[in-house]
């Protein structure tokens, strides 16, 4: 027996909530990483020991990954948020096709 529309929408809402938590974790950690880099630059300028600017360059390089993940999570959230509209407004056959395309897109992004 296939899940009802309410169960499907509930699952989508659960995934969106989990994604929101993960997204905020990435945002907080990205801010902390950025703050560490800025602190190292300021420390290097204040003390005149410019070797302290090296950690800043390293932390800046590490900012790419969390920002990429935040972008991916937001893209997935938008796709998942449109799913209820597809389910509710399209005829069943078209809805099924669009959901398959959506799931395929989300799956391909994860690779």
PDB file of N, CA and C in Angstrom:
ATOM      1  N   UNK A   1       0.849  -1.178   0.000  1.00  0.00           N
ATOM      2  CA  UNK A   1       0.000   0.000   0.000  1.00  0.00           C
ATOM      3  C   UNK A   1       0.894   1.241   0.000  1.00  0.00           C
ATOM      4  N   UNK A   2       0.756   2.105  -0.986  1.00  0.00           N
ATOM      5  CA  UNK A   2       1.590   3.294  -1.044  1.00  0.00           C
ATOM      6  C   UNK A   2       1.225   4.280   0.069  1.00  0.00           C
ATOM      7  N   UNK A   3       2.209   5.086   0.479  1.00  0.00           N
ATOM      8  CA  UNK A   3       1.923   6.060   1.541  1.00  0.00           C
ATOM      9  C   UNK A   3       0.926   7.111   1.053  1.00  0.00           C
ATOM     10  N   UNK A   4       0.157   7.631   1.978  1.00  0.00           N
ATOM     11  CA  UNK A   4      -0.819   8.666   1.636  1.00  0.00           C
ATOM     12  C   UNK A   4      -0.098   9.989   1.387  1.00  0.00           C
ATOM     13  N   UNK A   5      -0.836  10.925   0.839  1.00  0.00           N
ATOM     14  CA  UNK A   5      -0.260  12.248   0.567  1.00  0.00           C
ATOM     15  C   UNK A   5       0.173  12.911   1.868  1.00  0.00           C
ATOM     16  N   UNK A   6      -0.609  12.735   2.920  1.00  0.00           N
ATOM     17  CA  UNK A   6      -0.265  13.341   4.215  1.00  0.00           C
ATOM     18  C   UNK A   6       1.043  12.763   4.760  1.00  0.00           C
ATOM     19  N   UNK A   7       1.216  11.445   4.624  1.00  0.00           N
ATOM     20  CA  UNK A   7       2.470  10.825   5.079  1.00  0.00           C
ATOM     21  C   UNK A   7       3.651  11.331   4.265  1.00  0.00           C
ATOM     22  N   UNK A   8       3.449  11.445   2.962  1.00  0.00           N
ATOM     23  CA  UNK A   8       4.513  11.939   2.085  1.00  0.00           C
ATOM     24  C   UNK A   8       4.888  13.373   2.446  1.00  0.00           C
ATOM     25  N   UNK A   9       3.877  14.203   2.640  1.00  0.00           N
ATOM     26  CA  UNK A   9       4.137  15.601   3.015  1.00  0.00           C
ATOM     27  C   UNK A   9       4.812  15.684   4.379  1.00  0.00           C
ATOM     28  N   UNK A  10       4.420  14.809   5.294  1.00  0.00           N
ATOM     29  CA  UNK A  10       5.061  14.766   6.609  1.00  0.00           C
ATOM     30  C   UNK A  10       6.531  14.407   6.504  1.00  0.00           C
ATOM     31  N   UNK A  11       6.846  13.456   5.640  1.00  0.00           N
ATOM     32  CA  UNK A  11       8.247  13.074   5.443  1.00  0.00           C
ATOM     33  C   UNK A  11       9.041  14.232   4.844  1.00  0.00           C
ATOM     34  N   UNK A  12       8.443  14.914   3.878  1.00  0.00           N
ATOM     35  CA  UNK A  12       9.126  16.063   3.266  1.00  0.00           C
ATOM     36  C   UNK A  12       9.381  17.129   4.319  1.00  0.00           C
ATOM     37  N   UNK A  13       8.389  17.402   5.164  1.00  0.00           N
ATOM     38  CA  UNK A  13       8.571  18.394   6.233  1.00  0.00           C
ATOM     39  C   UNK A  13       9.668  17.973   7.201  1.00  0.00           C
ATOM     40  N   UNK A  14       9.735  16.685   7.524  1.00  0.00           N
ATOM     41  CA  UNK A  14      10.798  16.190   8.411  1.00  0.00           C
ATOM     42  C   UNK A  14      12.174  16.402   7.788  1.00  0.00           C
ATOM     43  N   UNK A  15      12.282  16.102   6.503  1.00  0.00           N
ATOM     44  CA  UNK A  15      13.569  16.293   5.811  1.00  0.00           C
ATOM     45  C   UNK A  15      13.945  17.770   5.774  1.00  0.00           C
ATOM     46  N   UNK A  16      12.976  18.633   5.521  1.00  0.00           N
ATOM     47  CA  UNK A  16      13.263  20.072   5.505  1.00  0.00           C
ATOM     48  C   UNK A  16      13.727  20.559   6.871  1.00  0.00           C
ATOM     49  N   UNK A  17      13.105  20.047   7.949  1.00  0.00           N
ATOM     50  CA  UNK A  17      13.534  20.423   9.305  1.00  0.00           C
ATOM     51  C   UNK A  17      14.960  19.952   9.576  1.00  0.00           C
ATOM     52  N   UNK A  18      15.263  18.716   9.195  1.00  0.00           N
ATOM     53  CA  UNK A  18      16.617  18.191   9.403  1.00  0.00           C
ATOM     54  C   UNK A  18      17.631  18.987   8.576  1.00  0.00           C
ATOM     55  N   UNK A  19      17.268  19.306   7.344  1.00  0.00           N
ATOM     56  CA  UNK A  19      18.168  20.089   6.498  1.00  0.00           C
ATOM     57  C   UNK A  19      18.417  21.480   7.084  1.00  0.00           C
ATOM     58  N   UNK A  20      17.378  22.055   7.680  1.00  0.00           N
ATOM     59  CA  UNK A  20      17.528  23.374   8.287  1.00  0.00           C
ATOM     60  C   UNK A  20      18.528  23.330   9.446  1.00  0.00           C
ATOM     61  N   UNK A  21      18.465  22.264  10.255  1.00  0.00           N
ATOM     62  CA  UNK A  21      19.413  22.109  11.369  1.00  0.00           C
ATOM     63  C   UNK A  21      20.840  21.952  10.840  1.00  0.00           C
ATOM     64  N   UNK A  22      20.999  21.119   9.825  1.00  0.00           N
ATOM     65  CA  UNK A  22      22.331  20.905   9.248  1.00  0.00           C
ATOM     66  C   UNK A  22      22.843  22.193   8.625  1.00  0.00           C
ATOM     67  N   UNK A  23      21.957  22.902   7.934  1.00  0.00           N
ATOM     68  CA  UNK A  23      22.346  24.168   7.305  1.00  0.00           C
ATOM     69  C   UNK A  23      22.847  25.165   8.341  1.00  0.00           C
ATOM     70  N   UNK A  24      22.127  25.296   9.446  1.00  0.00           N
ATOM     71  CA  UNK A  24      22.552  26.233  10.488  1.00  0.00           C
ATOM     72  C   UNK A  24      23.846  25.782  11.161  1.00  0.00           C
ATOM     73  N   UNK A  25      24.052  24.485  11.271  1.00  0.00           N
ATOM     74  CA  UNK A  25      25.325  23.991  11.803  1.00  0.00           C
ATOM     75  C   UNK A  25      26.468  24.422  10.892  1.00  0.00           C
ATOM     76  N   UNK A  26      26.282  24.235   9.591  1.00  0.00           N
ATOM     77  CA  UNK A  26      27.305  24.673   8.634  1.00  0.00           C
ATOM     78  C   UNK A  26      27.536  26.182   8.704  1.00  0.00           C
ATOM     79  N   UNK A  27      26.464  26.942   8.831  1.00  0.00           N
ATOM     80  CA  UNK A  27      26.605  28.398   8.891  1.00  0.00           C
ATOM     81  C   UNK A  27      27.392  28.809  10.123  1.00  0.00           C
ATOM     82  N   UNK A  28      27.055  28.235  11.278  1.00  0.00           N
ATOM     83  CA  UNK A  28      27.761  28.584  12.522  1.00  0.00           C
ATOM     84  C   UNK A  28      29.240  28.196  12.428  1.00  0.00           C
ATOM     85  N   UNK A  29      29.513  27.000  11.926  1.00  0.00           N
ATOM     86  CA  UNK A  29      30.906  26.570  11.804  1.00  0.00           C
ATOM     87  C   UNK A  29      31.672  27.405  10.783  1.00  0.00           C
ATOM     88  N   UNK A  30      31.014  27.825   9.722  1.00  0.00           N
ATOM     89  CA  UNK A  30      31.656  28.682   8.727  1.00  0.00           C
ATOM     90  C   UNK A  30      31.991  30.038   9.335  1.00  0.00           C
ATOM     91  N   UNK A  31      31.076  30.574  10.117  1.00  0.00           N
ATOM     92  CA  UNK A  31      31.336  31.850  10.796  1.00  0.00           C
ATOM     93  C   UNK A  31      32.504  31.699  11.762  1.00  0.00           C
ATOM     94  N   UNK A  32      32.548  30.592  12.498  1.00  0.00           N
ATOM     95  CA  UNK A  32      33.654  30.361  13.440  1.00  0.00           C
ATOM     96  C   UNK A  32      34.982  30.248  12.695  1.00  0.00           C
ATOM     97  N   UNK A  33      34.976  29.554  11.582  1.00  0.00           N
ATOM     98  CA  UNK A  33      36.191  29.411  10.780  1.00  0.00           C
ATOM     99  C   UNK A  33      36.644  30.762  10.246  1.00  0.00           C
ATOM    100  N   UNK A  34      35.702  31.558   9.764  1.00  0.00           N
ATOM    101  CA  UNK A  34      36.017  32.892   9.262  1.00  0.00           C
ATOM    102  C   UNK A  34      36.550  33.775  10.389  1.00  0.00           C
ATOM    103  N   UNK A  35      35.915  33.690  11.566  1.00  0.00           N
ATOM    104  CA  UNK A  35      36.361  34.501  12.716  1.00  0.00           C
ATOM    105  C   UNK A  35      37.772  34.109  13.139  1.00  0.00           C
ATOM    106  N   UNK A  36      38.098  32.825  13.094  1.00  0.00           N
ATOM    107  CA  UNK A  36      39.459  32.391  13.429  1.00  0.00           C
ATOM    108  C   UNK A  36      40.471  32.981  12.447  1.00  0.00           C
ATOM    109  N   UNK A  37      40.124  32.977  11.186  1.00  0.00           N
ATOM    110  CA  UNK A  37      41.014  33.552  10.176  1.00  0.00           C
ATOM    111  C   UNK A  37      41.232  35.038  10.396  1.00  0.00           C
ATOM    112  N   UNK A  38      40.169  35.777  10.674  1.00  0.00           N
ATOM    113  CA  UNK A  38      40.280  37.214  10.940  1.00  0.00           C
ATOM    114  C   UNK A  38      41.091  37.457  12.202  1.00  0.00           C
ATOM    115  N   UNK A  39      40.853  36.641  13.232  1.00  0.00           N
ATOM    116  CA  UNK A  39      41.608  36.797  14.484  1.00  0.00           C
ATOM    117  C   UNK A  39      43.104  36.590  14.241  1.00  0.00           C
ATOM    118  N   UNK A  40      43.459  35.623  13.412  1.00  0.00           N
ATOM    119  CA  UNK A  40      44.876  35.383  13.108  1.00  0.00           C
ATOM    120  C   UNK A  40      45.495  36.567  12.368  1.00  0.00           C
ATOM    121  N   UNK A  41      44.760  37.148  11.438  1.00  0.00           N
ATOM    122  CA  UNK A  41      45.277  38.317  10.706  1.00  0.00           C
ATOM    123  C   UNK A  41      45.480  39.489  11.664  1.00  0.00           C
ATOM    124  N   UNK A  42      44.491  39.734  12.506  1.00  0.00           N
ATOM    125  CA  UNK A  42      44.602  40.847  13.462  1.00  0.00           C
ATOM    126  C   UNK A  42      45.765  40.602  14.415  1.00  0.00           C
ATOM    127  N   UNK A  43      45.902  39.374  14.903  1.00  0.00           N
ATOM    128  CA  UNK A  43      47.008  39.049  15.803  1.00  0.00           C
ATOM    129  C   UNK A  43      48.353  39.265  15.099  1.00  0.00           C
ATOM    130  N   UNK A  44      48.438  38.883  13.837  1.00  0.00           N
ATOM    131  CA  UNK A  44      49.679  39.061  13.076  1.00  0.00           C
ATOM    132  C   UNK A  44      49.999  40.538  12.917  1.00  0.00           C
ATOM    133  N   UNK A  45      48.987  41.344  12.637  1.00  0.00           N
ATOM    134  CA  UNK A  45      49.225  42.784  12.460  1.00  0.00           C
ATOM    135  C   UNK A  45      49.592  43.463  13.774  1.00  0.00           C
ATOM    136  N   UNK A  46      48.952  43.067  14.857  1.00  0.00           N
ATOM    137  CA  UNK A  46      49.206  43.700  16.158  1.00  0.00           C
ATOM    138  C   UNK A  46      50.586  43.330  16.685  1.00  0.00           C
ATOM    139  N   UNK A  47      50.958  42.063  16.582  1.00  0.00           N
ATOM    140  CA  UNK A  47      52.234  41.627  17.142  1.00  0.00           C
ATOM    141  C   UNK A  47      53.408  41.832  16.203  1.00  0.00           C
ATOM    142  N   UNK A  48      53.122  42.006  14.923  1.00  0.00           N
ATOM    143  CA  UNK A  48      54.202  42.134  13.952  1.00  0.00           C
ATOM    144  C   UNK A  48      54.801  40.783  13.562  1.00  0.00           C
ATOM    145  N   UNK A  49      54.268  39.719  14.111  1.00  0.00           N
ATOM    146  CA  UNK A  49      54.720  38.372  13.779  1.00  0.00           C
ATOM    147  C   UNK A  49      53.823  37.853  12.656  1.00  0.00           C
ATOM    148  N   UNK A  50      54.259  38.062  11.426  1.00  0.00           N
ATOM    149  CA  UNK A  50      53.405  37.804  10.274  1.00  0.00           C
ATOM    150  C   UNK A  50      53.233  36.317   9.961  1.00  0.00           C
ATOM    151  N   UNK A  51      53.922  35.461  10.679  1.00  0.00           N
ATOM    152  CA  UNK A  51      53.697  34.025  10.517  1.00  0.00           C
ATOM    153  C   UNK A  51      52.283  33.658  10.957  1.00  0.00           C
ATOM    154  N   UNK A  52      51.679  34.480  11.809  1.00  0.00           N
ATOM    155  CA  UNK A  52      50.308  34.225  12.250  1.00  0.00           C
ATOM    156  C   UNK A  52      49.288  34.456  11.145  1.00  0.00           C
ATOM    157  N   UNK A  53      49.692  35.051  10.054  1.00  0.00           N
ATOM    158  CA  UNK A  53      48.745  35.231   8.950  1.00  0.00           C
ATOM    159  C   UNK A  53      48.599  33.948   8.122  1.00  0.00           C
ATOM    160  N   UNK A  54      49.497  32.992   8.301  1.00  0.00           N
ATOM    161  CA  UNK A  54      49.416  31.718   7.578  1.00  0.00           C
ATOM    162  C   UNK A  54      48.150  30.936   7.929  1.00  0.00           C
ATOM    163  N   UNK A  55      47.780  30.797   9.215  1.00  0.00           N
ATOM    164  CA  UNK A  55      46.528  30.083   9.508  1.00  0.00           C
ATOM    165  C   UNK A  55      45.309  30.728   8.851  1.00  0.00           C
ATOM    166  N   UNK A  56      45.353  32.031   8.666  1.00  0.00           N
ATOM    167  CA  UNK A  56      44.244  32.709   8.012  1.00  0.00           C
ATOM    168  C   UNK A  56      44.089  32.244   6.574  1.00  0.00           C
ATOM    169  N   UNK A  57      45.203  32.071   5.880  1.00  0.00           N
ATOM    170  CA  UNK A  57      45.141  31.585   4.499  1.00  0.00           C
ATOM    171  C   UNK A  57      44.596  30.158   4.459  1.00  0.00           C
ATOM    172  N   UNK A  58      44.966  29.357   5.430  1.00  0.00           N
ATOM    173  CA  UNK A  58      44.483  27.977   5.479  1.00  0.00           C
ATOM    174  C   UNK A  58      42.986  27.946   5.770  1.00  0.00           C
ATOM    175  N   UNK A  59      42.527  28.720   6.750  1.00  0.00           N
ATOM    176  CA  UNK A  59      41.102  28.718   7.083  1.00  0.00           C
ATOM    177  C   UNK A  59      40.265  29.273   5.932  1.00  0.00           C
ATOM    178  N   UNK A  60      40.801  30.229   5.205  1.00  0.00           N
ATOM    179  CA  UNK A  60      40.089  30.758   4.052  1.00  0.00           C
ATOM    180  C   UNK A  60      39.894  29.662   3.005  1.00  0.00           C
ATOM    181  N   UNK A  61      40.896  28.836   2.813  1.00  0.00           N
ATOM    182  CA  UNK A  61      40.772  27.722   1.881  1.00  0.00           C
ATOM    183  C   UNK A  61      39.723  26.720   2.317  1.00  0.00           C
ATOM    184  N   UNK A  62      39.564  26.544   3.616  1.00  0.00           N
ATOM    185  CA  UNK A  62      38.571  25.605   4.135  1.00  0.00           C
ATOM    186  C   UNK A  62      37.141  26.137   4.065  1.00  0.00           C
ATOM    187  N   UNK A  63      36.960  27.416   3.775  1.00  0.00           N
ATOM    188  CA  UNK A  63      35.610  27.987   3.693  1.00  0.00           C
ATOM    189  C   UNK A  63      34.853  27.490   2.461  1.00  0.00           C
ATOM    190  N   UNK A  64      35.547  27.038   1.449  1.00  0.00           N
ATOM    191  CA  UNK A  64      34.901  26.605   0.209  1.00  0.00           C
ATOM    192  C   UNK A  64      33.918  25.457   0.464  1.00  0.00           C
ATOM    193  N   UNK A  65      34.336  24.450   1.195  1.00  0.00           N
ATOM    194  CA  UNK A  65      33.507  23.268   1.387  1.00  0.00           C
ATOM    195  C   UNK A  65      32.192  23.558   2.121  1.00  0.00           C
ATOM    196  N   UNK A  66      32.213  24.241   3.274  1.00  0.00           N
ATOM    197  CA  UNK A  66      30.919  24.481   3.941  1.00  0.00           C
ATOM    198  C   UNK A  66      29.994  25.381   3.123  1.00  0.00           C
ATOM    199  N   UNK A  67      30.548  26.356   2.412  1.00  0.00           N
ATOM    200  CA  UNK A  67      29.697  27.218   1.602  1.00  0.00           C
ATOM    201  C   UNK A  67      29.068  26.432   0.456  1.00  0.00           C
ATOM    202  N   UNK A  68      29.817  25.506  -0.106  1.00  0.00           N
ATOM    203  CA  UNK A  68      29.281  24.650  -1.169  1.00  0.00           C
ATOM    204  C   UNK A  68      28.155  23.772  -0.620  1.00  0.00           C
ATOM    205  N   UNK A  69      28.332  23.236   0.576  1.00  0.00           N
ATOM    206  CA  UNK A  69      27.307  22.393   1.193  1.00  0.00           C
ATOM    207  C   UNK A  69      26.044  23.191   1.534  1.00  0.00           C
ATOM    208  N   UNK A  70      26.210  24.415   2.010  1.00  0.00           N
ATOM    209  CA  UNK A  70      25.057  25.263   2.312  1.00  0.00           C
ATOM    210  C   UNK A  70      24.257  25.523   1.045  1.00  0.00           C
ATOM    211  N   UNK A  71      24.954  25.806  -0.040  1.00  0.00           N
ATOM    212  CA  UNK A  71      24.287  26.045  -1.321  1.00  0.00           C
ATOM    213  C   UNK A  71      23.528  24.800  -1.776  1.00  0.00           C
ATOM    214  N   UNK A  72      24.129  23.641  -1.632  1.00  0.00           N
ATOM    215  CA  UNK A  72      23.483  22.383  -2.024  1.00  0.00           C
ATOM    216  C   UNK A  72      22.248  22.099  -1.172  1.00  0.00           C
ATOM    217  N   UNK A  73      22.348  22.319   0.130  1.00  0.00           N
ATOM    218  CA  UNK A  73      21.214  22.090   1.029  1.00  0.00           C
ATOM    219  C   UNK A  73      20.064  23.025   0.670  1.00  0.00           C
ATOM    220  N   UNK A  74      20.373  24.270   0.395  1.00  0.00           N
ATOM    221  CA  UNK A  74      19.314  25.220   0.040  1.00  0.00           C
ATOM    222  C   UNK A  74      18.647  24.837  -1.281  1.00  0.00           C
ATOM    223  N   UNK A  75      19.435  24.383  -2.243  1.00  0.00           N
ATOM    224  CA  UNK A  75      18.879  23.956  -3.527  1.00  0.00           C
ATOM    225  C   UNK A  75      17.950  22.747  -3.317  1.00  0.00           C
ATOM    226  N   UNK A  76      18.380  21.811  -2.494  1.00  0.00           N
ATOM    227  CA  UNK A  76      17.547  20.637  -2.196  1.00  0.00           C
ATOM    228  C   UNK A  76      16.271  21.024  -1.458  1.00  0.00           C
ATOM    229  N   UNK A  77      16.378  21.972  -0.542  1.00  0.00           N
ATOM    230  CA  UNK A  77      15.197  22.418   0.191  1.00  0.00           C
ATOM    231  C   UNK A  77      14.169  23.046  -0.737  1.00  0.00           C
ATOM    232  N   UNK A  78      14.637  23.829  -1.695  1.00  0.00           N
ATOM    233  CA  UNK A  78      13.714  24.436  -2.652  1.00  0.00           C
ATOM    234  C   UNK A  78      13.022  23.354  -3.467  1.00  0.00           C
ATOM    235  N   UNK A  79      13.803  22.376  -3.901  1.00  0.00           N
ATOM    236  CA  UNK A  79      13.218  21.281  -4.681  1.00  0.00           C
ATOM    237  C   UNK A  79      12.191  20.507  -3.856  1.00  0.00           C
ATOM    238  N   UNK A  80      12.528  20.224  -2.607  1.00  0.00           N
ATOM    239  CA  UNK A  80      11.595  19.481  -1.754  1.00  0.00           C
ATOM    240  C   UNK A  80      10.360  20.306  -1.398  1.00  0.00           C
ATOM    241  N   UNK A  81      10.532  21.604  -1.262  1.00  0.00           N
ATOM    242  CA  UNK A  81       9.395  22.458  -0.922  1.00  0.00           C
ATOM    243  C   UNK A  81       8.400  22.545  -2.074  1.00  0.00           C
ATOM    244  N   UNK A  82       8.866  22.353  -3.302  1.00  0.00           N
ATOM    245  CA  UNK A  82       7.950  22.401  -4.439  1.00  0.00           C
ATOM    246  C   UNK A  82       7.201  21.078  -4.626  1.00  0.00           C
ATOM    247  N   UNK A  83       7.680  20.014  -4.029  1.00  0.00           N
ATOM    248  CA  UNK A  83       7.049  18.708  -4.194  1.00  0.00           C
ATOM    249  C   UNK A  83       5.582  18.692  -3.767  1.00  0.00           C
ATOM    250  N   UNK A  84       5.198  19.277  -2.629  1.00  0.00           N
ATOM    251  CA  UNK A  84       3.781  19.253  -2.264  1.00  0.00           C
ATOM    252  C   UNK A  84       2.885  19.936  -3.299  1.00  0.00           C
ATOM    253  N   UNK A  85       3.382  21.006  -3.900  1.00  0.00           N
ATOM    254  CA  UNK A  85       2.596  21.689  -4.927  1.00  0.00           C
ATOM    255  C   UNK A  85       2.414  20.782  -6.130  1.00  0.00           C
ATOM    256  N   UNK A  86       3.492  20.075  -6.504  1.00  0.00           N
ATOM    257  CA  UNK A  86       3.394  19.143  -7.624  1.00  0.00           C
ATOM    258  C   UNK A  86       2.386  18.036  -7.329  1.00  0.00           C
ATOM    259  N   UNK A  87       2.440  17.520  -6.133  1.00  0.00           N
ATOM    260  CA  UNK A  87       1.545  16.433  -5.760  1.00  0.00           C
ATOM    261  C   UNK A  87       0.094  16.910  -5.746  1.00  0.00           C
ATOM    262  N   UNK A  88      -0.128  18.098  -5.241  1.00  0.00           N
ATOM    263  CA  UNK A  88      -1.495  18.578  -5.045  1.00  0.00           C
ATOM    264  C   UNK A  88      -2.140  19.120  -6.316  1.00  0.00           C
ATOM    265  N   UNK A  89      -1.377  19.722  -7.202  1.00  0.00           N
ATOM    266  CA  UNK A  89      -1.992  20.438  -8.316  1.00  0.00           C
ATOM    267  C   UNK A  89      -1.972  19.697  -9.638  1.00  0.00           C
ATOM    268  N   UNK A  90      -1.046  18.789  -9.827  1.00  0.00           N
ATOM    269  CA  UNK A  90      -0.960  18.091 -11.103  1.00  0.00           C
ATOM    270  C   UNK A  90      -1.793  16.819 -11.086  1.00  0.00           C
ATOM    271  N   UNK A  91      -2.211  16.386 -12.256  1.00  0.00           N
ATOM    272  CA  UNK A  91      -2.868  15.076 -12.331  1.00  0.00           C
ATOM    273  C   UNK A  91      -1.893  13.990 -11.875  1.00  0.00           C
ATOM    274  N   UNK A  92      -2.385  12.872 -11.383  1.00  0.00           N
ATOM    275  CA  UNK A  92      -1.510  11.840 -10.800  1.00  0.00           C
ATOM    276  C   UNK A  92      -0.367  11.389 -11.702  1.00  0.00           C
ATOM    277  N   UNK A  93      -0.628  11.185 -12.976  1.00  0.00           N
ATOM    278  CA  UNK A  93       0.424  10.704 -13.872  1.00  0.00           C
ATOM    279  C   UNK A  93       1.514  11.751 -14.063  1.00  0.00           C
ATOM    280  N   UNK A  94       1.106  12.990 -14.292  1.00  0.00           N
ATOM    281  CA  UNK A  94       2.092  14.070 -14.438  1.00  0.00           C
ATOM    282  C   UNK A  94       2.836  14.306 -13.135  1.00  0.00           C
ATOM    283  N   UNK A  95       2.114  14.239 -12.029  1.00  0.00           N
ATOM    284  CA  UNK A  95       2.731  14.413 -10.711  1.00  0.00           C
ATOM    285  C   UNK A  95       3.814  13.363 -10.485  1.00  0.00           C
ATOM    286  N   UNK A  96       3.516  12.123 -10.825  1.00  0.00           N
ATOM    287  CA  UNK A  96       4.490  11.048 -10.655  1.00  0.00           C
ATOM    288  C   UNK A  96       5.727  11.291 -11.513  1.00  0.00           C
ATOM    289  N   UNK A  97       5.526  11.743 -12.742  1.00  0.00           N
ATOM    290  CA  UNK A  97       6.667  12.026 -13.630  1.00  0.00           C
ATOM    291  C   UNK A  97       7.538  13.153 -13.070  1.00  0.00           C
ATOM    292  N   UNK A  98       6.884  14.221 -12.614  1.00  0.00           N
ATOM    293  CA  UNK A  98       7.634  15.361 -12.073  1.00  0.00           C
ATOM    294  C   UNK A  98       8.385  14.984 -10.802  1.00  0.00           C
ATOM    295  N   UNK A  99       7.771  14.187  -9.950  1.00  0.00           N
ATOM    296  CA  UNK A  99       8.437  13.736  -8.727  1.00  0.00           C
ATOM    297  C   UNK A  99       9.642  12.867  -9.073  1.00  0.00           C
ATOM    298  N   UNK A 100       9.511  12.015 -10.083  1.00  0.00           N
ATOM    299  CA  UNK A 100      10.646  11.194 -10.516  1.00  0.00           C
ATOM    300  C   UNK A 100      11.787  12.071 -11.013  1.00  0.00           C
ATOM    301  N   UNK A 101      11.467  13.093 -11.785  1.00  0.00           N
ATOM    302  CA  UNK A 101      12.500  14.026 -12.266  1.00  0.00           C
ATOM    303  C   UNK A 101      13.156  14.725 -11.085  1.00  0.00           C
ATOM    304  N   UNK A 102      12.344  15.167 -10.135  1.00  0.00           N
ATOM    305  CA  UNK A 102      12.864  15.838  -8.941  1.00  0.00           C
ATOM    306  C   UNK A 102      13.793  14.925  -8.152  1.00  0.00           C
ATOM    307  N   UNK A 103      13.374  13.692  -7.921  1.00  0.00           N
ATOM    308  CA  UNK A 103      14.205  12.744  -7.172  1.00  0.00           C
ATOM    309  C   UNK A 103      15.487  12.422  -7.926  1.00  0.00           C
ATOM    310  N   UNK A 104      15.393  12.295  -9.232  1.00  0.00           N
ATOM    311  CA  UNK A 104      16.585  12.027 -10.045  1.00  0.00           C
ATOM    312  C   UNK A 104      17.564  13.199  -9.940  1.00  0.00           C
ATOM    313  N   UNK A 105      17.042  14.413  -9.991  1.00  0.00           N
ATOM    314  CA  UNK A 105      17.893  15.599  -9.870  1.00  0.00           C
ATOM    315  C   UNK A 105      18.583  15.640  -8.511  1.00  0.00           C
ATOM    316  N   UNK A 106      17.821  15.370  -7.442  1.00  0.00           N
ATOM    317  CA  UNK A 106      18.405  15.377  -6.102  1.00  0.00           C
ATOM    318  C   UNK A 106      19.463  14.283  -5.973  1.00  0.00           C
ATOM    319  N   UNK A 107      19.183  13.113  -6.530  1.00  0.00           N
ATOM    320  CA  UNK A 107      20.130  11.997  -6.466  1.00  0.00           C
ATOM    321  C   UNK A 107      21.408  12.314  -7.237  1.00  0.00           C
ATOM    322  N   UNK A 108      21.277  12.911  -8.404  1.00  0.00           N
ATOM    323  CA  UNK A 108      22.443  13.247  -9.215  1.00  0.00           C
ATOM    324  C   UNK A 108      23.314  14.298  -8.554  1.00  0.00           C
ATOM    325  N   UNK A 109      22.694  15.215  -7.813  1.00  0.00           N
ATOM    326  CA  UNK A 109      23.454  16.245  -7.102  1.00  0.00           C
ATOM    327  C   UNK A 109      24.328  15.654  -6.012  1.00  0.00           C
ATOM    328  N   UNK A 110      23.866  14.573  -5.397  1.00  0.00           N
ATOM    329  CA  UNK A 110      24.580  13.961  -4.295  1.00  0.00           C
ATOM    330  C   UNK A 110      25.849  13.255  -4.756  1.00  0.00           C
ATOM    331  N   UNK A 111      25.918  12.888  -6.028  1.00  0.00           N
ATOM    332  CA  UNK A 111      27.103  12.168  -6.531  1.00  0.00           C
ATOM    333  C   UNK A 111      28.295  13.051  -6.597  1.00  0.00           C
TER     334      UNK A 111
END
